[in-house]
Structure formats: structure tokens, C-alpha cells
N, C-alpha and C. Protein backbone atom coordinates (compact mmCIF):
# COMPACT_ATOMS: atom_id res chain seq x y z
N UNK A 1 0.85 -1.23 -0.07
CA UNK A 1 0.07 0.01 -0.02
C UNK A 1 0.86 1.32 0.00
N UNK A 2 0.61 2.26 -0.75
CA UNK A 2 1.36 3.43 -0.92
C UNK A 2 0.99 4.34 0.28
N UNK A 3 2.08 4.93 0.80
CA UNK A 3 1.85 6.00 1.78
C UNK A 3 2.12 7.37 1.30
N UNK A 4 1.26 8.33 1.50
CA UNK A 4 1.43 9.69 1.05
C UNK A 4 1.76 10.61 2.30
N UNK A 5 2.78 11.56 2.21
CA UNK A 5 3.11 12.37 3.44
C UNK A 5 2.94 13.85 2.90
N UNK A 6 2.16 14.54 3.70
CA UNK A 6 1.86 15.85 3.44
C UNK A 6 2.61 16.72 4.40
N UNK A 7 3.58 17.69 3.84
CA UNK A 7 4.30 18.61 4.62
C UNK A 7 3.64 19.99 4.54
N UNK A 8 3.35 20.50 5.58
CA UNK A 8 2.55 21.77 5.56
C UNK A 8 3.40 22.82 6.40
N UNK A 9 3.81 23.88 5.74
CA UNK A 9 4.43 25.05 6.40
C UNK A 9 3.43 25.91 7.10
N UNK A 10 3.54 26.20 8.30
CA UNK A 10 2.58 27.29 8.89
C UNK A 10 3.28 28.32 9.70
N UNK A 11 2.50 29.16 10.33
CA UNK A 11 3.17 30.20 11.15
C UNK A 11 3.68 29.75 12.44
N UNK A 12 3.65 28.41 12.66
CA UNK A 12 4.07 27.81 13.95
C UNK A 12 4.83 26.50 13.56
N UNK A 13 5.67 26.44 12.57
CA UNK A 13 6.58 25.35 12.30
C UNK A 13 6.00 24.59 11.14
N UNK A 14 6.46 23.40 11.05
CA UNK A 14 6.23 22.48 9.92
C UNK A 14 5.44 21.32 10.54
N UNK A 15 4.21 21.08 10.00
CA UNK A 15 3.42 19.95 10.28
C UNK A 15 3.31 18.84 9.26
N UNK A 16 3.36 17.55 9.77
CA UNK A 16 3.42 16.53 8.78
C UNK A 16 2.28 15.67 8.97
N UNK A 17 1.43 15.33 7.88
CA UNK A 17 0.46 14.32 7.95
C UNK A 17 0.82 13.25 7.20
N UNK A 18 0.43 12.00 7.49
CA UNK A 18 0.68 10.81 6.83
C UNK A 18 -0.62 10.10 6.48
N UNK A 19 -0.88 9.46 5.29
CA UNK A 19 -1.90 8.73 4.97
C UNK A 19 -1.59 7.50 4.30
N UNK A 20 -2.13 6.44 4.89
CA UNK A 20 -2.03 5.12 4.19
C UNK A 20 -3.33 4.57 4.11
N UNK A 21 -3.96 4.71 2.94
CA UNK A 21 -5.38 4.28 2.70
C UNK A 21 -6.27 5.54 3.09
N UNK A 22 -7.53 5.21 3.53
CA UNK A 22 -8.47 6.36 3.85
C UNK A 22 -8.08 7.43 4.94
N UNK A 23 -7.31 6.95 5.98
CA UNK A 23 -7.19 7.67 7.11
C UNK A 23 -5.97 8.54 7.00
N UNK A 24 -6.06 9.73 7.48
CA UNK A 24 -4.99 10.82 7.58
C UNK A 24 -4.62 11.05 9.00
N UNK A 25 -3.40 11.05 9.36
CA UNK A 25 -2.95 11.19 10.72
C UNK A 25 -1.92 12.19 10.84
N UNK A 26 -2.08 13.26 11.64
CA UNK A 26 -0.99 14.04 11.97
C UNK A 26 0.17 13.48 12.65
N UNK A 27 1.40 13.30 12.19
CA UNK A 27 2.37 12.54 12.65
C UNK A 27 3.63 13.26 13.21
N UNK A 28 3.66 14.64 12.85
CA UNK A 28 4.73 15.47 13.45
C UNK A 28 4.53 16.98 13.30
N UNK A 29 5.11 17.60 14.32
CA UNK A 29 5.02 19.11 14.39
C UNK A 29 6.36 19.56 14.87
N UNK A 30 7.20 20.14 13.98
CA UNK A 30 8.57 20.69 14.38
C UNK A 30 8.72 21.95 13.95
N UNK A 31 9.98 22.42 14.30
CA UNK A 31 10.15 23.96 14.12
C UNK A 31 9.19 24.80 14.80
N UNK A 32 8.81 24.47 15.93
CA UNK A 32 7.72 25.27 16.57
C UNK A 32 8.26 26.75 16.76
N UNK A 33 7.35 27.70 16.60
CA UNK A 33 7.46 29.04 16.66
C UNK A 33 8.13 29.88 15.46
N UNK A 34 8.44 29.09 14.37
CA UNK A 34 9.04 29.52 13.21
C UNK A 34 7.89 29.83 12.21
N UNK A 35 7.84 30.90 11.47
CA UNK A 35 6.90 31.04 10.35
C UNK A 35 7.64 30.44 9.09
N UNK A 36 7.11 29.53 8.58
CA UNK A 36 7.69 28.84 7.30
C UNK A 36 6.93 29.67 6.07
N UNK A 37 7.74 30.10 5.17
CA UNK A 37 7.14 30.80 4.06
C UNK A 37 7.20 29.96 2.69
N UNK A 38 8.01 28.94 2.78
CA UNK A 38 8.02 28.03 1.69
C UNK A 38 8.67 26.67 2.12
N UNK A 39 8.21 25.60 1.34
CA UNK A 39 8.78 24.33 1.57
C UNK A 39 8.98 23.49 0.42
N UNK A 40 9.96 22.60 0.32
CA UNK A 40 10.16 21.84 -0.74
C UNK A 40 10.63 20.41 -0.21
N UNK A 41 10.12 19.30 -0.90
CA UNK A 41 10.53 18.06 -0.45
C UNK A 41 11.06 17.14 -1.71
N UNK A 42 12.13 16.68 -1.61
CA UNK A 42 12.73 15.79 -2.84
C UNK A 42 12.11 14.44 -2.58
N UNK A 43 12.01 14.05 -1.28
CA UNK A 43 11.46 12.88 -0.86
C UNK A 43 11.04 12.86 0.54
N UNK A 44 10.67 11.72 1.17
CA UNK A 44 10.31 11.81 2.52
C UNK A 44 11.42 12.17 3.53
N UNK A 45 12.58 12.13 2.99
CA UNK A 45 13.72 12.39 4.04
C UNK A 45 14.36 13.76 3.67
N UNK A 46 14.39 14.21 2.49
CA UNK A 46 15.15 15.47 2.07
C UNK A 46 14.19 16.80 2.04
N UNK A 47 14.17 17.66 2.95
CA UNK A 47 13.44 18.77 3.03
C UNK A 47 14.15 20.04 3.09
N UNK A 48 13.50 21.01 2.49
CA UNK A 48 14.15 22.45 2.50
C UNK A 48 12.99 23.34 2.85
N UNK A 49 13.30 24.24 3.81
CA UNK A 49 12.15 25.19 4.29
C UNK A 49 12.74 26.59 4.32
N UNK A 50 11.98 27.54 3.92
CA UNK A 50 12.33 28.93 4.15
C UNK A 50 11.58 29.52 5.30
N UNK A 51 12.31 30.18 6.20
CA UNK A 51 11.80 30.62 7.40
C UNK A 51 11.73 32.18 7.28
N UNK A 52 10.57 32.73 7.72
CA UNK A 52 10.49 34.17 7.64
C UNK A 52 11.63 34.87 8.51
N UNK A 53 12.32 35.91 7.95
CA UNK A 53 13.35 36.60 8.55
C UNK A 53 14.45 35.85 9.11
N UNK A 54 14.76 34.72 8.45
CA UNK A 54 15.82 33.75 8.98
C UNK A 54 16.39 33.02 7.70
N UNK A 55 17.47 32.35 7.94
CA UNK A 55 18.02 31.48 6.92
C UNK A 55 17.24 30.26 6.54
N UNK A 56 17.22 29.85 5.29
CA UNK A 56 16.50 28.76 4.82
C UNK A 56 17.29 27.51 5.53
N UNK A 57 16.44 26.36 5.79
CA UNK A 57 17.00 25.27 6.56
C UNK A 57 16.82 23.99 5.61
N UNK A 58 17.72 23.05 5.69
CA UNK A 58 17.49 21.74 4.96
C UNK A 58 17.75 20.58 6.00
N UNK A 59 16.89 19.51 5.69
CA UNK A 59 17.12 18.34 6.59
C UNK A 59 17.25 17.06 5.50
N UNK A 60 18.07 16.21 5.89
CA UNK A 60 18.26 14.78 5.15
C UNK A 60 17.83 13.68 5.88
N UNK A 61 17.10 13.91 6.97
CA UNK A 61 16.59 12.83 7.78
C UNK A 61 15.18 12.99 8.15
N UNK A 62 14.25 13.52 7.35
CA UNK A 62 12.90 13.70 7.54
C UNK A 62 12.54 14.75 8.49
N UNK A 63 13.45 15.68 8.83
CA UNK A 63 13.18 16.74 9.79
C UNK A 63 13.63 16.56 11.11
N UNK A 64 14.36 15.44 11.37
CA UNK A 64 14.93 15.23 12.83
C UNK A 64 16.08 16.07 13.03
N UNK A 65 16.83 16.51 12.12
CA UNK A 65 17.91 17.44 12.37
C UNK A 65 17.87 18.42 11.15
N UNK A 66 18.38 19.79 11.37
CA UNK A 66 18.42 20.81 10.25
C UNK A 66 19.76 21.46 10.33
N UNK A 67 19.99 22.06 9.12
CA UNK A 67 21.25 22.80 8.77
C UNK A 67 20.89 23.96 7.89
N UNK A 68 21.74 24.97 7.81
CA UNK A 68 21.48 26.25 6.97
C UNK A 68 21.58 25.69 5.51
N UNK A 69 20.52 26.06 4.64
CA UNK A 69 20.59 25.60 3.24
C UNK A 69 21.33 26.62 2.37
N UNK A 70 21.70 26.09 1.27
CA UNK A 70 22.39 27.05 0.28
C UNK A 70 21.52 27.82 -0.61
N UNK A 71 20.24 27.41 -0.72
CA UNK A 71 19.08 28.14 -1.36
C UNK A 71 17.78 28.02 -0.80
N UNK A 72 16.72 28.74 -1.17
CA UNK A 72 15.57 28.74 -0.67
C UNK A 72 14.36 28.11 -1.38
N UNK A 73 13.43 27.31 -1.02
CA UNK A 73 12.41 26.81 -1.79
C UNK A 73 11.29 27.83 -2.09
N UNK A 74 10.32 27.64 -2.80
CA UNK A 74 9.37 28.63 -3.35
C UNK A 74 7.85 28.03 -3.16
N UNK A 75 7.66 26.74 -2.80
CA UNK A 75 6.44 26.22 -2.72
C UNK A 75 5.91 26.37 -1.17
N UNK A 76 4.58 26.43 -1.05
CA UNK A 76 4.18 26.56 0.36
C UNK A 76 3.55 25.25 0.95
N UNK A 77 3.34 24.20 0.02
CA UNK A 77 2.82 22.89 0.46
C UNK A 77 3.53 21.88 -0.39
N UNK A 78 3.80 20.69 0.29
CA UNK A 78 4.40 19.67 -0.58
C UNK A 78 3.92 18.34 -0.03
N UNK A 79 3.62 17.53 -1.10
CA UNK A 79 3.08 16.16 -0.92
C UNK A 79 4.11 15.17 -1.58
N UNK A 80 4.38 14.11 -0.61
CA UNK A 80 5.39 13.14 -1.19
C UNK A 80 4.58 11.79 -1.03
N UNK A 81 4.73 11.05 -2.20
CA UNK A 81 4.12 9.55 -2.08
C UNK A 81 5.28 8.59 -2.22
N UNK A 82 5.34 7.76 -1.19
CA UNK A 82 6.35 6.62 -1.10
C UNK A 82 5.62 5.31 -1.19
N UNK A 83 6.36 4.39 -1.79
CA UNK A 83 5.79 3.00 -1.85
C UNK A 83 5.96 2.26 -0.54
């Protein structure tokens, strides 16, 4: 069964929802207190976010750790489908 992951940038961080079948569950809320202005995801592990009045950040482990990114994303919503 295919799993779909929705990454949603908000005014209070990054919220992640996961769907496997008809149910959608909120699975994470990270970067609390940060206003995300854009987000991009290459896959479920590789994320890039732009934070208002701050450096863009990138994660290569699904958001468990972050580092300053070399460039900024432009999308505000990102959906990743994984097998």
C-alpha cells in the first residue's frame, strides 16, 4: 500500500500528515515558533524550508535535524508519495 506524506508549512512550524489508505494522521509538528514561508521535499527524507526573517534550512533525515541551506524553496505545500 502506498503512503502519502503531506508537509505543511505554517506560522508555527512544519506539520506533517501521513496517509496510508483512507485515514490521514498528524504525525509530526517541528520547528515550533517559526513562520515557514516556503517548503520543498525531494522525498520523505530530504526537506528544504524557508523561514521568515531567517536562513533557509535543509534536512536529510525527515526533519529530525536541520542545517542552513544553500538556497530557498518557493512552494508553500508539499506532498510526497512513497511506496
